[in-house]
């Protein structure tokens, strides 16, 4: 286990969860501009490279929106989708608005994505357990205590694109993106073939 991940696992339980007291109804109203890219039900849009966000945890959504708003995420010139998200996050007036949107999105049911990539599901299951499961949980449901997002419900192409972005520094290179830097380390220990196998396994999990 990488030393950074070991420390990460030790300290994570000491940090409280976010998003308490959020207003889902207010979040639904604030979500209206997001529908154009992420869909009415948070299902995402493959043509726009917009991920499914329904069913992600409030904590993760709050953190990513704040990262976009602060320029921690989406600042790379190679991240066009991230740049668009930065401008959208900037329209949320304050932390309360961010928390409300996150609460609404988290209340939506995670979609079952259509598989677009092929891979070895059995090998993907083994790789997932050894490379991903410690943070993202056994069934890809994510783990707030470890700041790890839900993977089940995300399109395979989106996961592959994000892992490659972590590898190249398009994502996770900012000095203030502690958890992104951890993921950047892990992204470099998975080959493209292994990544396809992992997402094939995640596609199977989504059907369960």
C-alpha atoms as a PDB file:
ATOM      1  CA  UNK A   1       0.000   0.000   0.000  1.00  0.00           C
ATOM      2  CA  UNK A   2       1.442   3.447  -0.916  1.00  0.00           C
ATOM      3  CA  UNK A   3       2.479   5.456   2.215  1.00  0.00           C
ATOM      4  CA  UNK A   4       0.144   8.303   1.291  1.00  0.00           C
ATOM      5  CA  UNK A   5      -2.824   5.972   1.115  1.00  0.00           C
ATOM      6  CA  UNK A   6      -1.900   4.428   4.476  1.00  0.00           C
ATOM      7  CA  UNK A   7      -1.912   7.848   6.165  1.00  0.00           C
ATOM      8  CA  UNK A   8      -5.102   8.733   4.318  1.00  0.00           C
ATOM      9  CA  UNK A   9      -6.871   5.661   5.731  1.00  0.00           C
ATOM     10  CA  UNK A  10      -5.700   6.445   9.259  1.00  0.00           C
ATOM     11  CA  UNK A  11      -6.830  10.071   9.284  1.00  0.00           C
ATOM     12  CA  UNK A  12     -10.081   9.819   7.327  1.00  0.00           C
ATOM     13  CA  UNK A  13     -12.338   8.739  10.240  1.00  0.00           C
ATOM     14  CA  UNK A  14     -11.333  11.856  12.197  1.00  0.00           C
ATOM     15  CA  UNK A  15     -12.897  14.255   9.687  1.00  0.00           C
ATOM     16  CA  UNK A  16     -16.641  14.992   9.984  1.00  0.00           C
ATOM     17  CA  UNK A  17     -19.134  14.622   7.156  1.00  0.00           C
ATOM     18  CA  UNK A  18     -20.449  17.660   5.274  1.00  0.00           C
ATOM     19  CA  UNK A  19     -23.843  18.675   4.012  1.00  0.00           C
ATOM     20  CA  UNK A  20     -25.895  18.700   7.244  1.00  0.00           C
ATOM     21  CA  UNK A  21     -29.059  20.805   7.147  1.00  0.00           C
ATOM     22  CA  UNK A  22     -29.244  21.129   3.345  1.00  0.00           C
ATOM     23  CA  UNK A  23     -32.542  22.042   1.647  1.00  0.00           C
ATOM     24  CA  UNK A  24     -33.385  19.550  -1.115  1.00  0.00           C
ATOM     25  CA  UNK A  25     -36.254  21.653  -2.487  1.00  0.00           C
ATOM     26  CA  UNK A  26     -33.981  24.655  -2.852  1.00  0.00           C
ATOM     27  CA  UNK A  27     -31.363  22.404  -4.414  1.00  0.00           C
ATOM     28  CA  UNK A  28     -33.853  21.190  -7.018  1.00  0.00           C
ATOM     29  CA  UNK A  29     -34.512  24.783  -8.094  1.00  0.00           C
ATOM     30  CA  UNK A  30     -30.804  25.574  -8.224  1.00  0.00           C
ATOM     31  CA  UNK A  31     -30.207  22.434 -10.278  1.00  0.00           C
ATOM     32  CA  UNK A  32     -32.305  23.726 -13.206  1.00  0.00           C
ATOM     33  CA  UNK A  33     -29.315  25.118 -15.199  1.00  0.00           C
ATOM     34  CA  UNK A  34     -27.509  21.785 -14.739  1.00  0.00           C
ATOM     35  CA  UNK A  35     -30.169  19.833 -16.631  1.00  0.00           C
ATOM     36  CA  UNK A  36     -28.789  20.906 -20.022  1.00  0.00           C
ATOM     37  CA  UNK A  37     -25.644  18.824 -19.445  1.00  0.00           C
ATOM     38  CA  UNK A  38     -26.382  16.388 -16.631  1.00  0.00           C
ATOM     39  CA  UNK A  39     -30.021  15.597 -17.449  1.00  0.00           C
ATOM     40  CA  UNK A  40     -33.205  16.061 -15.465  1.00  0.00           C
ATOM     41  CA  UNK A  41     -32.449  12.988 -13.386  1.00  0.00           C
ATOM     42  CA  UNK A  42     -28.704  13.468 -13.133  1.00  0.00           C
ATOM     43  CA  UNK A  43     -28.139  10.684 -15.656  1.00  0.00           C
ATOM     44  CA  UNK A  44     -25.470  12.586 -17.605  1.00  0.00           C
ATOM     45  CA  UNK A  45     -25.018  13.012 -21.348  1.00  0.00           C
ATOM     46  CA  UNK A  46     -22.416  10.997 -23.235  1.00  0.00           C
ATOM     47  CA  UNK A  47     -22.509  13.349 -26.244  1.00  0.00           C
ATOM     48  CA  UNK A  48     -21.500  16.260 -24.001  1.00  0.00           C
ATOM     49  CA  UNK A  49     -19.007  14.191 -21.976  1.00  0.00           C
ATOM     50  CA  UNK A  50     -21.116  15.012 -18.927  1.00  0.00           C
ATOM     51  CA  UNK A  51     -21.060  12.351 -16.199  1.00  0.00           C
ATOM     52  CA  UNK A  52     -23.971  10.827 -14.373  1.00  0.00           C
ATOM     53  CA  UNK A  53     -24.054  12.505 -10.973  1.00  0.00           C
ATOM     54  CA  UNK A  54     -27.261  11.038  -9.550  1.00  0.00           C
ATOM     55  CA  UNK A  55     -26.701   9.015  -6.417  1.00  0.00           C
ATOM     56  CA  UNK A  56     -23.267  10.417  -5.612  1.00  0.00           C
ATOM     57  CA  UNK A  57     -22.882  11.296  -1.946  1.00  0.00           C
ATOM     58  CA  UNK A  58     -23.495  14.825  -0.703  1.00  0.00           C
ATOM     59  CA  UNK A  59     -19.967  15.026   0.692  1.00  0.00           C
ATOM     60  CA  UNK A  60     -18.360  14.183  -2.621  1.00  0.00           C
ATOM     61  CA  UNK A  61     -20.589  16.515  -4.616  1.00  0.00           C
ATOM     62  CA  UNK A  62     -19.996  19.393  -2.206  1.00  0.00           C
ATOM     63  CA  UNK A  63     -16.251  18.891  -2.378  1.00  0.00           C
ATOM     64  CA  UNK A  64     -16.159  18.792  -6.176  1.00  0.00           C
ATOM     65  CA  UNK A  65     -18.371  21.860  -6.568  1.00  0.00           C
ATOM     66  CA  UNK A  66     -16.152  23.781  -4.168  1.00  0.00           C
ATOM     67  CA  UNK A  67     -13.071  22.583  -6.016  1.00  0.00           C
ATOM     68  CA  UNK A  68     -14.497  23.799  -9.315  1.00  0.00           C
ATOM     69  CA  UNK A  69     -15.505  27.127  -7.787  1.00  0.00           C
ATOM     70  CA  UNK A  70     -12.055  27.662  -6.280  1.00  0.00           C
ATOM     71  CA  UNK A  71     -10.164  26.592  -9.395  1.00  0.00           C
ATOM     72  CA  UNK A  72      -8.747  23.506  -7.733  1.00  0.00           C
ATOM     73  CA  UNK A  73     -10.418  21.396 -10.407  1.00  0.00           C
ATOM     74  CA  UNK A  74     -10.999  22.350 -14.029  1.00  0.00           C
ATOM     75  CA  UNK A  75      -8.111  24.815 -14.289  1.00  0.00           C
ATOM     76  CA  UNK A  76      -6.021  22.749 -16.704  1.00  0.00           C
ATOM     77  CA  UNK A  77      -6.101  24.089 -20.292  1.00  0.00           C
ATOM     78  CA  UNK A  78      -6.696  20.487 -21.410  1.00  0.00           C
ATOM     79  CA  UNK A  79      -9.866  20.155 -19.321  1.00  0.00           C
ATOM     80  CA  UNK A  80     -12.573  21.825 -21.417  1.00  0.00           C
ATOM     81  CA  UNK A  81     -15.426  20.127 -19.566  1.00  0.00           C
ATOM     82  CA  UNK A  82     -13.866  21.165 -16.291  1.00  0.00           C
ATOM     83  CA  UNK A  83     -13.650  24.777 -17.452  1.00  0.00           C
ATOM     84  CA  UNK A  84     -17.366  24.742 -18.184  1.00  0.00           C
ATOM     85  CA  UNK A  85     -18.069  23.302 -14.744  1.00  0.00           C
ATOM     86  CA  UNK A  86     -15.983  26.045 -13.161  1.00  0.00           C
ATOM     87  CA  UNK A  87     -18.225  28.661 -14.713  1.00  0.00           C
ATOM     88  CA  UNK A  88     -21.355  26.835 -13.576  1.00  0.00           C
ATOM     89  CA  UNK A  89     -20.083  26.353 -10.025  1.00  0.00           C
ATOM     90  CA  UNK A  90     -19.331  30.065  -9.875  1.00  0.00           C
ATOM     91  CA  UNK A  91     -23.070  30.778 -10.190  1.00  0.00           C
ATOM     92  CA  UNK A  92     -23.739  29.098  -6.827  1.00  0.00           C
ATOM     93  CA  UNK A  93     -23.755  31.985  -4.383  1.00  0.00           C
ATOM     94  CA  UNK A  94     -22.352  30.359  -1.268  1.00  0.00           C
ATOM     95  CA  UNK A  95     -21.691  27.140   0.614  1.00  0.00           C
ATOM     96  CA  UNK A  96     -25.372  26.810   1.491  1.00  0.00           C
ATOM     97  CA  UNK A  97     -26.342  26.810  -2.196  1.00  0.00           C
ATOM     98  CA  UNK A  98     -23.678  24.212  -2.936  1.00  0.00           C
ATOM     99  CA  UNK A  99     -24.941  22.031  -0.091  1.00  0.00           C
ATOM    100  CA  UNK A 100     -28.540  22.320  -1.323  1.00  0.00           C
ATOM    101  CA  UNK A 101     -27.678  21.281  -4.898  1.00  0.00           C
ATOM    102  CA  UNK A 102     -25.573  18.409  -3.606  1.00  0.00           C
ATOM    103  CA  UNK A 103     -28.412  17.193  -1.387  1.00  0.00           C
ATOM    104  CA  UNK A 104     -30.840  17.184  -4.309  1.00  0.00           C
ATOM    105  CA  UNK A 105     -28.488  15.344  -6.665  1.00  0.00           C
ATOM    106  CA  UNK A 106     -27.619  12.808  -3.969  1.00  0.00           C
ATOM    107  CA  UNK A 107     -31.331  12.082  -3.541  1.00  0.00           C
ATOM    108  CA  UNK A 108     -31.660  10.928  -7.162  1.00  0.00           C
ATOM    109  CA  UNK A 109     -31.352   7.250  -8.050  1.00  0.00           C
ATOM    110  CA  UNK A 110     -28.070   6.259  -9.666  1.00  0.00           C
ATOM    111  CA  UNK A 111     -28.600   5.189 -13.303  1.00  0.00           C
ATOM    112  CA  UNK A 112     -27.639   1.903 -14.907  1.00  0.00           C
ATOM    113  CA  UNK A 113     -25.245   2.936 -17.684  1.00  0.00           C
ATOM    114  CA  UNK A 114     -25.049   1.294 -21.070  1.00  0.00           C
ATOM    115  CA  UNK A 115     -21.749  -0.505 -21.567  1.00  0.00           C
ATOM    116  CA  UNK A 116     -19.694   0.951 -24.412  1.00  0.00           C
ATOM    117  CA  UNK A 117     -16.338  -0.719 -23.737  1.00  0.00           C
ATOM    118  CA  UNK A 118     -15.493  -4.407 -23.643  1.00  0.00           C
ATOM    119  CA  UNK A 119     -13.314  -6.092 -21.064  1.00  0.00           C
ATOM    120  CA  UNK A 120     -12.723  -9.230 -19.040  1.00  0.00           C
ATOM    121  CA  UNK A 121     -15.233  -9.028 -16.189  1.00  0.00           C
ATOM    122  CA  UNK A 122     -13.625 -11.788 -14.150  1.00  0.00           C
ATOM    123  CA  UNK A 123     -10.190 -10.220 -14.364  1.00  0.00           C
ATOM    124  CA  UNK A 124     -11.757  -6.830 -13.725  1.00  0.00           C
ATOM    125  CA  UNK A 125     -13.262  -8.110 -10.479  1.00  0.00           C
ATOM    126  CA  UNK A 126      -9.843  -9.241  -9.261  1.00  0.00           C
ATOM    127  CA  UNK A 127      -8.207  -5.980 -10.284  1.00  0.00           C
ATOM    128  CA  UNK A 128     -10.947  -3.929  -8.679  1.00  0.00           C
ATOM    129  CA  UNK A 129     -10.477  -5.670  -5.337  1.00  0.00           C
ATOM    130  CA  UNK A 130      -6.705  -5.213  -5.389  1.00  0.00           C
ATOM    131  CA  UNK A 131      -6.514  -1.672  -6.846  1.00  0.00           C
ATOM    132  CA  UNK A 132      -9.802   0.125  -6.160  1.00  0.00           C
ATOM    133  CA  UNK A 133     -11.931  -1.570  -3.534  1.00  0.00           C
ATOM    134  CA  UNK A 134     -10.005  -0.327  -0.495  1.00  0.00           C
ATOM    135  CA  UNK A 135     -11.234   3.221  -1.161  1.00  0.00           C
ATOM    136  CA  UNK A 136     -14.268   2.900  -3.435  1.00  0.00           C
ATOM    137  CA  UNK A 137     -15.828   0.028  -1.414  1.00  0.00           C
ATOM    138  CA  UNK A 138     -16.547  -3.551  -2.399  1.00  0.00           C
ATOM    139  CA  UNK A 139     -19.392  -2.834  -4.815  1.00  0.00           C
ATOM    140  CA  UNK A 140     -18.241   0.507  -6.141  1.00  0.00           C
ATOM    141  CA  UNK A 141     -20.666   2.423  -3.933  1.00  0.00           C
ATOM    142  CA  UNK A 142     -18.002   4.820  -2.730  1.00  0.00           C
ATOM    143  CA  UNK A 143     -16.876   5.677   0.784  1.00  0.00           C
ATOM    144  CA  UNK A 144     -17.276   9.138   2.293  1.00  0.00           C
ATOM    145  CA  UNK A 145     -14.886   8.322   5.126  1.00  0.00           C
ATOM    146  CA  UNK A 146     -12.162   7.880   2.520  1.00  0.00           C
ATOM    147  CA  UNK A 147     -13.366  10.707   0.228  1.00  0.00           C
ATOM    148  CA  UNK A 148     -13.897   8.166  -2.534  1.00  0.00           C
ATOM    149  CA  UNK A 149     -16.803   8.680  -4.979  1.00  0.00           C
ATOM    150  CA  UNK A 150     -19.353   6.185  -6.156  1.00  0.00           C
ATOM    151  CA  UNK A 151     -18.191   4.454  -9.345  1.00  0.00           C
ATOM    152  CA  UNK A 152     -21.212   2.273 -10.062  1.00  0.00           C
ATOM    153  CA  UNK A 153     -23.581   4.235 -12.252  1.00  0.00           C
ATOM    154  CA  UNK A 154     -20.844   6.141 -14.073  1.00  0.00           C
ATOM    155  CA  UNK A 155     -20.367   5.456 -17.786  1.00  0.00           C
ATOM    156  CA  UNK A 156     -17.342   3.332 -18.571  1.00  0.00           C
ATOM    157  CA  UNK A 157     -16.027   5.938 -21.019  1.00  0.00           C
ATOM    158  CA  UNK A 158     -16.186   8.644 -18.350  1.00  0.00           C
ATOM    159  CA  UNK A 159     -14.259   6.550 -15.823  1.00  0.00           C
ATOM    160  CA  UNK A 160     -11.579   5.765 -18.401  1.00  0.00           C
ATOM    161  CA  UNK A 161     -11.289   9.430 -19.369  1.00  0.00           C
ATOM    162  CA  UNK A 162     -10.934  10.543 -15.753  1.00  0.00           C
ATOM    163  CA  UNK A 163      -8.296   7.943 -14.934  1.00  0.00           C
ATOM    164  CA  UNK A 164      -6.297   9.060 -17.960  1.00  0.00           C
ATOM    165  CA  UNK A 165      -6.715  12.684 -16.848  1.00  0.00           C
ATOM    166  CA  UNK A 166      -5.289  11.776 -13.464  1.00  0.00           C
ATOM    167  CA  UNK A 167      -2.352  10.064 -15.170  1.00  0.00           C
ATOM    168  CA  UNK A 168      -1.497  13.077 -17.325  1.00  0.00           C
ATOM    169  CA  UNK A 169      -2.009  15.705 -14.637  1.00  0.00           C
ATOM    170  CA  UNK A 170      -5.069  17.200 -16.302  1.00  0.00           C
ATOM    171  CA  UNK A 171      -6.802  16.342 -13.058  1.00  0.00           C
ATOM    172  CA  UNK A 172      -5.389  15.941  -9.557  1.00  0.00           C
ATOM    173  CA  UNK A 173      -2.264  18.062 -10.023  1.00  0.00           C
ATOM    174  CA  UNK A 174      -3.385  21.143  -8.079  1.00  0.00           C
ATOM    175  CA  UNK A 175      -1.516  21.617  -4.802  1.00  0.00           C
ATOM    176  CA  UNK A 176      -4.786  21.862  -2.852  1.00  0.00           C
ATOM    177  CA  UNK A 177      -6.356  18.743  -4.369  1.00  0.00           C
ATOM    178  CA  UNK A 178      -5.193  16.277  -1.710  1.00  0.00           C
ATOM    179  CA  UNK A 179      -7.495  13.464  -2.736  1.00  0.00           C
ATOM    180  CA  UNK A 180      -6.961  14.041  -6.443  1.00  0.00           C
ATOM    181  CA  UNK A 181      -3.219  13.660  -5.945  1.00  0.00           C
ATOM    182  CA  UNK A 182      -3.822  10.330  -4.224  1.00  0.00           C
ATOM    183  CA  UNK A 183      -5.921   9.157  -7.172  1.00  0.00           C
ATOM    184  CA  UNK A 184      -3.228  10.330  -9.587  1.00  0.00           C
ATOM    185  CA  UNK A 185      -0.812   7.937  -7.896  1.00  0.00           C
ATOM    186  CA  UNK A 186      -3.229   5.033  -8.199  1.00  0.00           C
ATOM    187  CA  UNK A 187      -4.101   5.842 -11.831  1.00  0.00           C
ATOM    188  CA  UNK A 188      -0.509   5.235 -12.850  1.00  0.00           C
ATOM    189  CA  UNK A 189      -0.480   1.641 -11.627  1.00  0.00           C
ATOM    190  CA  UNK A 190      -3.314   0.529 -13.949  1.00  0.00           C
ATOM    191  CA  UNK A 191      -2.759  -0.188 -17.646  1.00  0.00           C
ATOM    192  CA  UNK A 192      -5.350   0.625 -20.305  1.00  0.00           C
ATOM    193  CA  UNK A 193      -6.201  -3.063 -20.673  1.00  0.00           C
ATOM    194  CA  UNK A 194      -6.649  -3.441 -16.915  1.00  0.00           C
ATOM    195  CA  UNK A 195      -8.772  -0.296 -16.831  1.00  0.00           C
ATOM    196  CA  UNK A 196     -11.117  -1.705 -19.478  1.00  0.00           C
ATOM    197  CA  UNK A 197     -11.463  -4.890 -17.433  1.00  0.00           C
ATOM    198  CA  UNK A 198     -12.254  -2.880 -14.298  1.00  0.00           C
ATOM    199  CA  UNK A 199     -14.971  -0.820 -15.971  1.00  0.00           C
ATOM    200  CA  UNK A 200     -16.445  -3.998 -17.474  1.00  0.00           C
ATOM    201  CA  UNK A 201     -16.756  -5.311 -13.918  1.00  0.00           C
ATOM    202  CA  UNK A 202     -18.332  -2.041 -12.746  1.00  0.00           C
ATOM    203  CA  UNK A 203     -20.870  -2.279 -15.573  1.00  0.00           C
ATOM    204  CA  UNK A 204     -21.873  -5.686 -14.258  1.00  0.00           C
ATOM    205  CA  UNK A 205     -22.179  -4.348 -10.718  1.00  0.00           C
ATOM    206  CA  UNK A 206     -24.514  -1.619 -11.946  1.00  0.00           C
ATOM    207  CA  UNK A 207     -26.970  -4.248 -13.166  1.00  0.00           C
ATOM    208  CA  UNK A 208     -27.293  -5.863  -9.744  1.00  0.00           C
END
